[in-house]
Amino acid sequence: MTTQEKFETAQLDVKKLTQRPSNEELLDLYAFFKQATEGDNDTKKPGMFDMKGQFKWKKWKEKEGTSTEDAMESYVSLVNELLSKYDHE
């Protein structure tokens, strides 16, 4: 399987989790997904009252410079880790 195929499979697999991962794990999933699909974060930082948006923006910004391929591989690894850690279908 190519990295792209593994990435697409991981996107489906993560939806099978029946337990909610930690906030930090969810932020990492979000950031690796955004980095893999959109590249470096060049969006405007959310306002100070949008705390959730700020956390997501910051986590994605931390992945800056990560290649699409590496971000996909990190996403797949994290999904596999979550599947082994949490209950899933």
PDB file of N, CA and C in Angstrom:
ATOM      1  N   MET A   1       0.833  -1.188   0.000  1.00  0.00           N
ATOM      2  CA  MET A   1       0.000   0.000   0.000  1.00  0.00           C
ATOM      3  C   MET A   1       0.876   1.250   0.000  1.00  0.00           C
ATOM      4  N   THR A   2       0.441   2.248  -0.725  1.00  0.00           N
ATOM      5  CA  THR A   2       1.169   3.515  -0.729  1.00  0.00           C
ATOM      6  C   THR A   2       0.853   4.292   0.547  1.00  0.00           C
ATOM      7  N   THR A   3       1.640   5.290   0.814  1.00  0.00           N
ATOM      8  CA  THR A   3       1.402   6.134   1.986  1.00  0.00           C
ATOM      9  C   THR A   3       0.030   6.792   1.884  1.00  0.00           C
ATOM     10  N   GLN A   4      -0.336   7.237   0.682  1.00  0.00           N
ATOM     11  CA  GLN A   4      -1.645   7.860   0.469  1.00  0.00           C
ATOM     12  C   GLN A   4      -2.772   6.877   0.803  1.00  0.00           C
ATOM     13  N   GLU A   5      -2.631   5.638   0.372  1.00  0.00           N
ATOM     14  CA  GLU A   5      -3.657   4.622   0.652  1.00  0.00           C
ATOM     15  C   GLU A   5      -3.749   4.324   2.148  1.00  0.00           C
ATOM     16  N   LYS A   6      -2.598   4.236   2.809  1.00  0.00           N
ATOM     17  CA  LYS A   6      -2.590   4.009   4.260  1.00  0.00           C
ATOM     18  C   LYS A   6      -3.260   5.174   4.988  1.00  0.00           C
ATOM     19  N   PHE A   7      -2.983   6.393   4.519  1.00  0.00           N
ATOM     20  CA  PHE A   7      -3.562   7.604   5.095  1.00  0.00           C
ATOM     21  C   PHE A   7      -5.087   7.583   4.953  1.00  0.00           C
ATOM     22  N   GLU A   8      -5.566   7.231   3.777  1.00  0.00           N
ATOM     23  CA  GLU A   8      -7.010   7.165   3.534  1.00  0.00           C
ATOM     24  C   GLU A   8      -7.667   6.074   4.383  1.00  0.00           C
ATOM     25  N   THR A   9      -7.004   4.943   4.535  1.00  0.00           N
ATOM     26  CA  THR A   9      -7.519   3.860   5.375  1.00  0.00           C
ATOM     27  C   THR A   9      -7.567   4.303   6.837  1.00  0.00           C
ATOM     28  N   ALA A  10      -6.525   4.995   7.290  1.00  0.00           N
ATOM     29  CA  ALA A  10      -6.469   5.475   8.675  1.00  0.00           C
ATOM     30  C   ALA A  10      -7.608   6.452   8.966  1.00  0.00           C
ATOM     31  N   GLN A  11      -7.967   7.261   7.959  1.00  0.00           N
ATOM     32  CA  GLN A  11      -9.078   8.203   8.141  1.00  0.00           C
ATOM     33  C   GLN A  11     -10.387   7.456   8.399  1.00  0.00           C
ATOM     34  N   LEU A  12     -10.553   6.325   7.781  1.00  0.00           N
ATOM     35  CA  LEU A  12     -11.748   5.499   8.007  1.00  0.00           C
ATOM     36  C   LEU A  12     -11.644   4.760   9.339  1.00  0.00           C
ATOM     37  N   ASP A  13     -10.460   4.240   9.629  1.00  0.00           N
ATOM     38  CA  ASP A  13     -10.252   3.465  10.848  1.00  0.00           C
ATOM     39  C   ASP A  13     -10.466   4.296  12.113  1.00  0.00           C
ATOM     40  N   VAL A  14     -10.040   5.546  12.093  1.00  0.00           N
ATOM     41  CA  VAL A  14     -10.150   6.379  13.293  1.00  0.00           C
ATOM     42  C   VAL A  14     -11.613   6.598  13.673  1.00  0.00           C
ATOM     43  N   LYS A  15     -12.498   6.528  12.713  1.00  0.00           N
ATOM     44  CA  LYS A  15     -13.931   6.700  12.980  1.00  0.00           C
ATOM     45  C   LYS A  15     -14.533   5.490  13.688  1.00  0.00           C
ATOM     46  N   LYS A  16     -13.778   4.404  13.767  1.00  0.00           N
ATOM     47  CA  LYS A  16     -14.256   3.180  14.423  1.00  0.00           C
ATOM     48  C   LYS A  16     -14.005   3.188  15.928  1.00  0.00           C
ATOM     49  N   LEU A  17     -13.289   4.200  16.408  1.00  0.00           N
ATOM     50  CA  LEU A  17     -13.033   4.275  17.842  1.00  0.00           C
ATOM     51  C   LEU A  17     -14.346   4.487  18.585  1.00  0.00           C
ATOM     52  N   THR A  18     -14.545   3.701  19.642  1.00  0.00           N
ATOM     53  CA  THR A  18     -15.755   3.858  20.451  1.00  0.00           C
ATOM     54  C   THR A  18     -15.450   4.606  21.747  1.00  0.00           C
ATOM     55  N   GLN A  19     -14.172   4.812  22.019  1.00  0.00           N
ATOM     56  CA  GLN A  19     -13.745   5.625  23.155  1.00  0.00           C
ATOM     57  C   GLN A  19     -13.116   6.890  22.607  1.00  0.00           C
ATOM     58  N   ARG A  20     -13.319   7.988  23.318  1.00  0.00           N
ATOM     59  CA  ARG A  20     -12.773   9.274  22.874  1.00  0.00           C
ATOM     60  C   ARG A  20     -11.308   9.388  23.301  1.00  0.00           C
ATOM     61  N   PRO A  21     -10.416   9.651  22.353  1.00  0.00           N
ATOM     62  CA  PRO A  21      -9.013   9.885  22.714  1.00  0.00           C
ATOM     63  C   PRO A  21      -8.886  11.163  23.553  1.00  0.00           C
ATOM     64  N   SER A  22      -7.730  11.365  24.152  1.00  0.00           N
ATOM     65  CA  SER A  22      -7.490  12.575  24.953  1.00  0.00           C
ATOM     66  C   SER A  22      -7.500  13.802  24.036  1.00  0.00           C
ATOM     67  N   ASN A  23      -7.659  14.958  24.644  1.00  0.00           N
ATOM     68  CA  ASN A  23      -7.649  16.202  23.872  1.00  0.00           C
ATOM     69  C   ASN A  23      -6.335  16.372  23.120  1.00  0.00           C
ATOM     70  N   GLU A  24      -5.232  16.011  23.767  1.00  0.00           N
ATOM     71  CA  GLU A  24      -3.914  16.134  23.129  1.00  0.00           C
ATOM     72  C   GLU A  24      -3.814  15.214  21.908  1.00  0.00           C
ATOM     73  N   GLU A  25      -4.329  14.004  22.028  1.00  0.00           N
ATOM     74  CA  GLU A  25      -4.312  13.060  20.899  1.00  0.00           C
ATOM     75  C   GLU A  25      -5.194  13.578  19.761  1.00  0.00           C
ATOM     76  N   LEU A  26      -6.346  14.134  20.114  1.00  0.00           N
ATOM     77  CA  LEU A  26      -7.233  14.688  19.086  1.00  0.00           C
ATOM     78  C   LEU A  26      -6.584  15.874  18.381  1.00  0.00           C
ATOM     79  N   LEU A  27      -5.887  16.705  19.135  1.00  0.00           N
ATOM     80  CA  LEU A  27      -5.190  17.846  18.527  1.00  0.00           C
ATOM     81  C   LEU A  27      -4.091  17.375  17.582  1.00  0.00           C
ATOM     82  N   ASP A  28      -3.361  16.324  17.984  1.00  0.00           N
ATOM     83  CA  ASP A  28      -2.319  15.783  17.104  1.00  0.00           C
ATOM     84  C   ASP A  28      -2.925  15.205  15.831  1.00  0.00           C
ATOM     85  N   LEU A  29      -4.039  14.487  15.963  1.00  0.00           N
ATOM     86  CA  LEU A  29      -4.726  13.958  14.775  1.00  0.00           C
ATOM     87  C   LEU A  29      -5.095  15.095  13.827  1.00  0.00           C
ATOM     88  N   TYR A  30      -5.689  16.129  14.387  1.00  0.00           N
ATOM     89  CA  TYR A  30      -6.105  17.290  13.596  1.00  0.00           C
ATOM     90  C   TYR A  30      -4.906  17.916  12.888  1.00  0.00           C
ATOM     91  N   ALA A  31      -3.838  18.147  13.656  1.00  0.00           N
ATOM     92  CA  ALA A  31      -2.672  18.838  13.102  1.00  0.00           C
ATOM     93  C   ALA A  31      -1.984  18.023  12.002  1.00  0.00           C
ATOM     94  N   PHE A  32      -1.807  16.726  12.232  1.00  0.00           N
ATOM     95  CA  PHE A  32      -1.187  15.895  11.189  1.00  0.00           C
ATOM     96  C   PHE A  32      -2.073  15.827   9.949  1.00  0.00           C
ATOM     97  N   PHE A  33      -3.398  15.750  10.146  1.00  0.00           N
ATOM     98  CA  PHE A  33      -4.313  15.709   9.007  1.00  0.00           C
ATOM     99  C   PHE A  33      -4.219  17.005   8.204  1.00  0.00           C
ATOM    100  N   LYS A  34      -4.272  18.141   8.892  1.00  0.00           N
ATOM    101  CA  LYS A  34      -4.203  19.436   8.200  1.00  0.00           C
ATOM    102  C   LYS A  34      -2.864  19.608   7.482  1.00  0.00           C
ATOM    103  N   GLN A  35      -1.778  19.203   8.141  1.00  0.00           N
ATOM    104  CA  GLN A  35      -0.452  19.331   7.520  1.00  0.00           C
ATOM    105  C   GLN A  35      -0.364  18.434   6.288  1.00  0.00           C
ATOM    106  N   ALA A  36      -0.936  17.247   6.368  1.00  0.00           N
ATOM    107  CA  ALA A  36      -0.894  16.309   5.241  1.00  0.00           C
ATOM    108  C   ALA A  36      -1.759  16.782   4.081  1.00  0.00           C
ATOM    109  N   THR A  37      -2.876  17.408   4.377  1.00  0.00           N
ATOM    110  CA  THR A  37      -3.815  17.767   3.314  1.00  0.00           C
ATOM    111  C   THR A  37      -3.682  19.213   2.827  1.00  0.00           C
ATOM    112  N   GLU A  38      -3.180  20.103   3.687  1.00  0.00           N
ATOM    113  CA  GLU A  38      -3.098  21.519   3.302  1.00  0.00           C
ATOM    114  C   GLU A  38      -1.704  22.114   3.382  1.00  0.00           C
ATOM    115  N   GLY A  39      -0.775  21.413   4.033  1.00  0.00           N
ATOM    116  CA  GLY A  39       0.584  21.942   4.166  1.00  0.00           C
ATOM    117  C   GLY A  39       0.688  22.879   5.358  1.00  0.00           C
ATOM    118  N   ASP A  40       1.705  23.738   5.332  1.00  0.00           N
ATOM    119  CA  ASP A  40       1.957  24.639   6.460  1.00  0.00           C
ATOM    120  C   ASP A  40       0.766  25.545   6.739  1.00  0.00           C
ATOM    121  N   ASN A  41       0.570  25.818   8.012  1.00  0.00           N
ATOM    122  CA  ASN A  41      -0.523  26.676   8.465  1.00  0.00           C
ATOM    123  C   ASN A  41      -0.187  28.132   8.162  1.00  0.00           C
ATOM    124  N   ASP A  42      -0.901  28.712   7.205  1.00  0.00           N
ATOM    125  CA  ASP A  42      -0.713  30.130   6.900  1.00  0.00           C
ATOM    126  C   ASP A  42      -2.013  30.900   7.146  1.00  0.00           C
ATOM    127  N   THR A  43      -2.877  30.318   7.980  1.00  0.00           N
ATOM    128  CA  THR A  43      -4.146  30.956   8.298  1.00  0.00           C
ATOM    129  C   THR A  43      -3.952  31.959   9.431  1.00  0.00           C
ATOM    130  N   LYS A  44      -4.892  32.865   9.555  1.00  0.00           N
ATOM    131  CA  LYS A  44      -4.853  33.870  10.616  1.00  0.00           C
ATOM    132  C   LYS A  44      -5.155  33.205  11.951  1.00  0.00           C
ATOM    133  N   LYS A  45      -4.421  33.596  12.990  1.00  0.00           N
ATOM    134  CA  LYS A  45      -4.638  33.037  14.324  1.00  0.00           C
ATOM    135  C   LYS A  45      -6.037  33.436  14.811  1.00  0.00           C
ATOM    136  N   PRO A  46      -6.791  32.465  15.361  1.00  0.00           N
ATOM    137  CA  PRO A  46      -8.131  32.773  15.870  1.00  0.00           C
ATOM    138  C   PRO A  46      -8.084  33.809  17.002  1.00  0.00           C
ATOM    139  N   GLY A  47      -9.200  34.466  17.205  1.00  0.00           N
ATOM    140  CA  GLY A  47      -9.298  35.479  18.254  1.00  0.00           C
ATOM    141  C   GLY A  47      -9.136  34.881  19.641  1.00  0.00           C
ATOM    142  N   MET A  48      -8.891  35.755  20.619  1.00  0.00           N
ATOM    143  CA  MET A  48      -8.582  35.267  21.968  1.00  0.00           C
ATOM    144  C   MET A  48      -9.765  34.596  22.655  1.00  0.00           C
ATOM    145  N   PHE A  49     -10.968  34.789  22.182  1.00  0.00           N
ATOM    146  CA  PHE A  49     -12.126  34.145  22.791  1.00  0.00           C
ATOM    147  C   PHE A  49     -12.414  32.775  22.183  1.00  0.00           C
ATOM    148  N   ASP A  50     -11.723  32.443  21.111  1.00  0.00           N
ATOM    149  CA  ASP A  50     -11.877  31.135  20.463  1.00  0.00           C
ATOM    150  C   ASP A  50     -10.755  30.221  20.951  1.00  0.00           C
ATOM    151  N   MET A  51     -10.898  29.735  22.183  1.00  0.00           N
ATOM    152  CA  MET A  51      -9.833  28.924  22.786  1.00  0.00           C
ATOM    153  C   MET A  51      -9.595  27.620  22.021  1.00  0.00           C
ATOM    154  N   LYS A  52     -10.675  26.942  21.646  1.00  0.00           N
ATOM    155  CA  LYS A  52     -10.538  25.682  20.906  1.00  0.00           C
ATOM    156  C   LYS A  52      -9.804  25.938  19.585  1.00  0.00           C
ATOM    157  N   GLY A  53     -10.201  26.984  18.885  1.00  0.00           N
ATOM    158  CA  GLY A  53      -9.557  27.340  17.623  1.00  0.00           C
ATOM    159  C   GLY A  53      -8.083  27.671  17.800  1.00  0.00           C
ATOM    160  N   GLN A  54      -7.770  28.339  18.895  1.00  0.00           N
ATOM    161  CA  GLN A  54      -6.366  28.680  19.160  1.00  0.00           C
ATOM    162  C   GLN A  54      -5.519  27.435  19.395  1.00  0.00           C
ATOM    163  N   PHE A  55      -6.053  26.485  20.176  1.00  0.00           N
ATOM    164  CA  PHE A  55      -5.316  25.242  20.420  1.00  0.00           C
ATOM    165  C   PHE A  55      -5.071  24.490  19.114  1.00  0.00           C
ATOM    166  N   LYS A  56      -6.103  24.400  18.284  1.00  0.00           N
ATOM    167  CA  LYS A  56      -5.970  23.693  17.006  1.00  0.00           C
ATOM    168  C   LYS A  56      -4.965  24.414  16.103  1.00  0.00           C
ATOM    169  N   TRP A  57      -5.061  25.742  16.037  1.00  0.00           N
ATOM    170  CA  TRP A  57      -4.177  26.545  15.194  1.00  0.00           C
ATOM    171  C   TRP A  57      -2.723  26.353  15.635  1.00  0.00           C
ATOM    172  N   LYS A  58      -2.499  26.438  16.958  1.00  0.00           N
ATOM    173  CA  LYS A  58      -1.130  26.309  17.488  1.00  0.00           C
ATOM    174  C   LYS A  58      -0.550  24.928  17.206  1.00  0.00           C
ATOM    175  N   LYS A  59      -1.348  23.889  17.416  1.00  0.00           N
ATOM    176  CA  LYS A  59      -0.858  22.514  17.207  1.00  0.00           C
ATOM    177  C   LYS A  59      -0.492  22.303  15.738  1.00  0.00           C
ATOM    178  N   TRP A  60      -1.318  22.806  14.828  1.00  0.00           N
ATOM    179  CA  TRP A  60      -1.021  22.701  13.399  1.00  0.00           C
ATOM    180  C   TRP A  60       0.237  23.500  13.076  1.00  0.00           C
ATOM    181  N   LYS A  61       0.366  24.695  13.656  1.00  0.00           N
ATOM    182  CA  LYS A  61       1.527  25.548  13.400  1.00  0.00           C
ATOM    183  C   LYS A  61       2.822  24.843  13.835  1.00  0.00           C
ATOM    184  N   GLU A  62       2.741  24.027  14.908  1.00  0.00           N
ATOM    185  CA  GLU A  62       3.921  23.283  15.391  1.00  0.00           C
ATOM    186  C   GLU A  62       4.426  22.273  14.358  1.00  0.00           C
ATOM    187  N   LYS A  63       3.576  21.848  13.444  1.00  0.00           N
ATOM    188  CA  LYS A  63       3.959  20.852  12.430  1.00  0.00           C
ATOM    189  C   LYS A  63       4.577  21.508  11.190  1.00  0.00           C
ATOM    190  N   GLU A  64       4.692  22.823  11.210  1.00  0.00           N
ATOM    191  CA  GLU A  64       5.213  23.564  10.062  1.00  0.00           C
ATOM    192  C   GLU A  64       6.547  22.990   9.587  1.00  0.00           C
ATOM    193  N   GLY A  65       6.680  22.853   8.281  1.00  0.00           N
ATOM    194  CA  GLY A  65       7.901  22.316   7.698  1.00  0.00           C
ATOM    195  C   GLY A  65       7.872  20.803   7.524  1.00  0.00           C
ATOM    196  N   THR A  66       6.867  20.138   8.101  1.00  0.00           N
ATOM    197  CA  THR A  66       6.729  18.694   7.944  1.00  0.00           C
ATOM    198  C   THR A  66       6.197  18.412   6.538  1.00  0.00           C
ATOM    199  N   SER A  67       6.830  17.506   5.834  1.00  0.00           N
ATOM    200  CA  SER A  67       6.388  17.185   4.474  1.00  0.00           C
ATOM    201  C   SER A  67       5.028  16.485   4.502  1.00  0.00           C
ATOM    202  N   THR A  68       4.341  16.522   3.381  1.00  0.00           N
ATOM    203  CA  THR A  68       3.051  15.843   3.252  1.00  0.00           C
ATOM    204  C   THR A  68       3.201  14.367   3.595  1.00  0.00           C
ATOM    205  N   GLU A  69       4.227  13.753   3.037  1.00  0.00           N
ATOM    206  CA  GLU A  69       4.481  12.323   3.261  1.00  0.00           C
ATOM    207  C   GLU A  69       4.706  12.017   4.742  1.00  0.00           C
ATOM    208  N   ASP A  70       5.551  12.814   5.398  1.00  0.00           N
ATOM    209  CA  ASP A  70       5.826  12.597   6.821  1.00  0.00           C
ATOM    210  C   ASP A  70       4.585  12.828   7.674  1.00  0.00           C
ATOM    211  N   ALA A  71       3.793  13.834   7.319  1.00  0.00           N
ATOM    212  CA  ALA A  71       2.566  14.108   8.067  1.00  0.00           C
ATOM    213  C   ALA A  71       1.582  12.951   7.912  1.00  0.00           C
ATOM    214  N   MET A  72       1.481  12.403   6.716  1.00  0.00           N
ATOM    215  CA  MET A  72       0.602  11.253   6.495  1.00  0.00           C
ATOM    216  C   MET A  72       1.062  10.059   7.315  1.00  0.00           C
ATOM    217  N   GLU A  73       2.372   9.800   7.309  1.00  0.00           N
ATOM    218  CA  GLU A  73       2.917   8.676   8.063  1.00  0.00           C
ATOM    219  C   GLU A  73       2.694   8.855   9.564  1.00  0.00           C
ATOM    220  N   SER A  74       2.851  10.076  10.049  1.00  0.00           N
ATOM    221  CA  SER A  74       2.625  10.354  11.471  1.00  0.00           C
ATOM    222  C   SER A  74       1.157  10.171  11.830  1.00  0.00           C
ATOM    223  N   TYR A  75       0.268  10.595  10.941  1.00  0.00           N
ATOM    224  CA  TYR A  75      -1.172  10.423  11.155  1.00  0.00           C
ATOM    225  C   TYR A  75      -1.511   8.936  11.240  1.00  0.00           C
ATOM    226  N   VAL A  76      -1.007   8.155  10.302  1.00  0.00           N
ATOM    227  CA  VAL A  76      -1.264   6.708  10.278  1.00  0.00           C
ATOM    228  C   VAL A  76      -0.728   6.053  11.555  1.00  0.00           C
ATOM    229  N   SER A  77       0.477   6.417  11.966  1.00  0.00           N
ATOM    230  CA  SER A  77       1.056   5.859  13.188  1.00  0.00           C
ATOM    231  C   SER A  77       0.210   6.199  14.411  1.00  0.00           C
ATOM    232  N   LEU A  78      -0.250   7.433  14.477  1.00  0.00           N
ATOM    233  CA  LEU A  78      -1.067   7.845  15.617  1.00  0.00           C
ATOM    234  C   LEU A  78      -2.399   7.102  15.629  1.00  0.00           C
ATOM    235  N   VAL A  79      -3.024   6.943  14.475  1.00  0.00           N
ATOM    236  CA  VAL A  79      -4.292   6.200  14.408  1.00  0.00           C
ATOM    237  C   VAL A  79      -4.069   4.761  14.858  1.00  0.00           C
ATOM    238  N   ASN A  80      -2.998   4.132  14.400  1.00  0.00           N
ATOM    239  CA  ASN A  80      -2.704   2.753  14.816  1.00  0.00           C
ATOM    240  C   ASN A  80      -2.482   2.666  16.328  1.00  0.00           C
ATOM    241  N   GLU A  81      -1.798   3.652  16.881  1.00  0.00           N
ATOM    242  CA  GLU A  81      -1.574   3.705  18.329  1.00  0.00           C
ATOM    243  C   GLU A  81      -2.913   3.838  19.072  1.00  0.00           C
ATOM    244  N   LEU A  82      -3.790   4.699  18.575  1.00  0.00           N
ATOM    245  CA  LEU A  82      -5.094   4.899  19.216  1.00  0.00           C
ATOM    246  C   LEU A  82      -5.960   3.649  19.122  1.00  0.00           C
ATOM    247  N   LEU A  83      -5.876   2.955  17.988  1.00  0.00           N
ATOM    248  CA  LEU A  83      -6.655   1.717  17.816  1.00  0.00           C
ATOM    249  C   LEU A  83      -6.194   0.640  18.790  1.00  0.00           C
ATOM    250  N   SER A  84      -4.916   0.620  19.117  1.00  0.00           N
ATOM    251  CA  SER A  84      -4.424  -0.381  20.065  1.00  0.00           C
ATOM    252  C   SER A  84      -4.690   0.049  21.511  1.00  0.00           C
ATOM    253  N   LYS A  85      -4.892   1.327  21.730  1.00  0.00           N
ATOM    254  CA  LYS A  85      -5.071   1.868  23.076  1.00  0.00           C
ATOM    255  C   LYS A  85      -6.536   1.942  23.508  1.00  0.00           C
ATOM    256  N   TYR A  86      -7.418   2.232  22.555  1.00  0.00           N
ATOM    257  CA  TYR A  86      -8.830   2.448  22.863  1.00  0.00           C
ATOM    258  C   TYR A  86      -9.711   1.395  22.203  1.00  0.00           C
ATOM    259  N   ASP A  87     -10.915   1.229  22.770  1.00  0.00           N
ATOM    260  CA  ASP A  87     -11.890   0.313  22.177  1.00  0.00           C
ATOM    261  C   ASP A  87     -12.321   0.837  20.819  1.00  0.00           C
ATOM    262  N   HIS A  88     -12.579  -0.099  19.919  1.00  0.00           N
ATOM    263  CA  HIS A  88     -13.079   0.270  18.593  1.00  0.00           C
ATOM    264  C   HIS A  88     -13.912  -0.882  18.043  1.00  0.00           C
ATOM    265  N   GLU A  89     -14.665  -0.534  16.992  1.00  0.00           N
ATOM    266  CA  GLU A  89     -15.547  -1.529  16.354  1.00  0.00           C
ATOM    267  C   GLU A  89     -14.752  -2.626  15.684  1.00  0.00           C
TER     268      GLU A  89
END
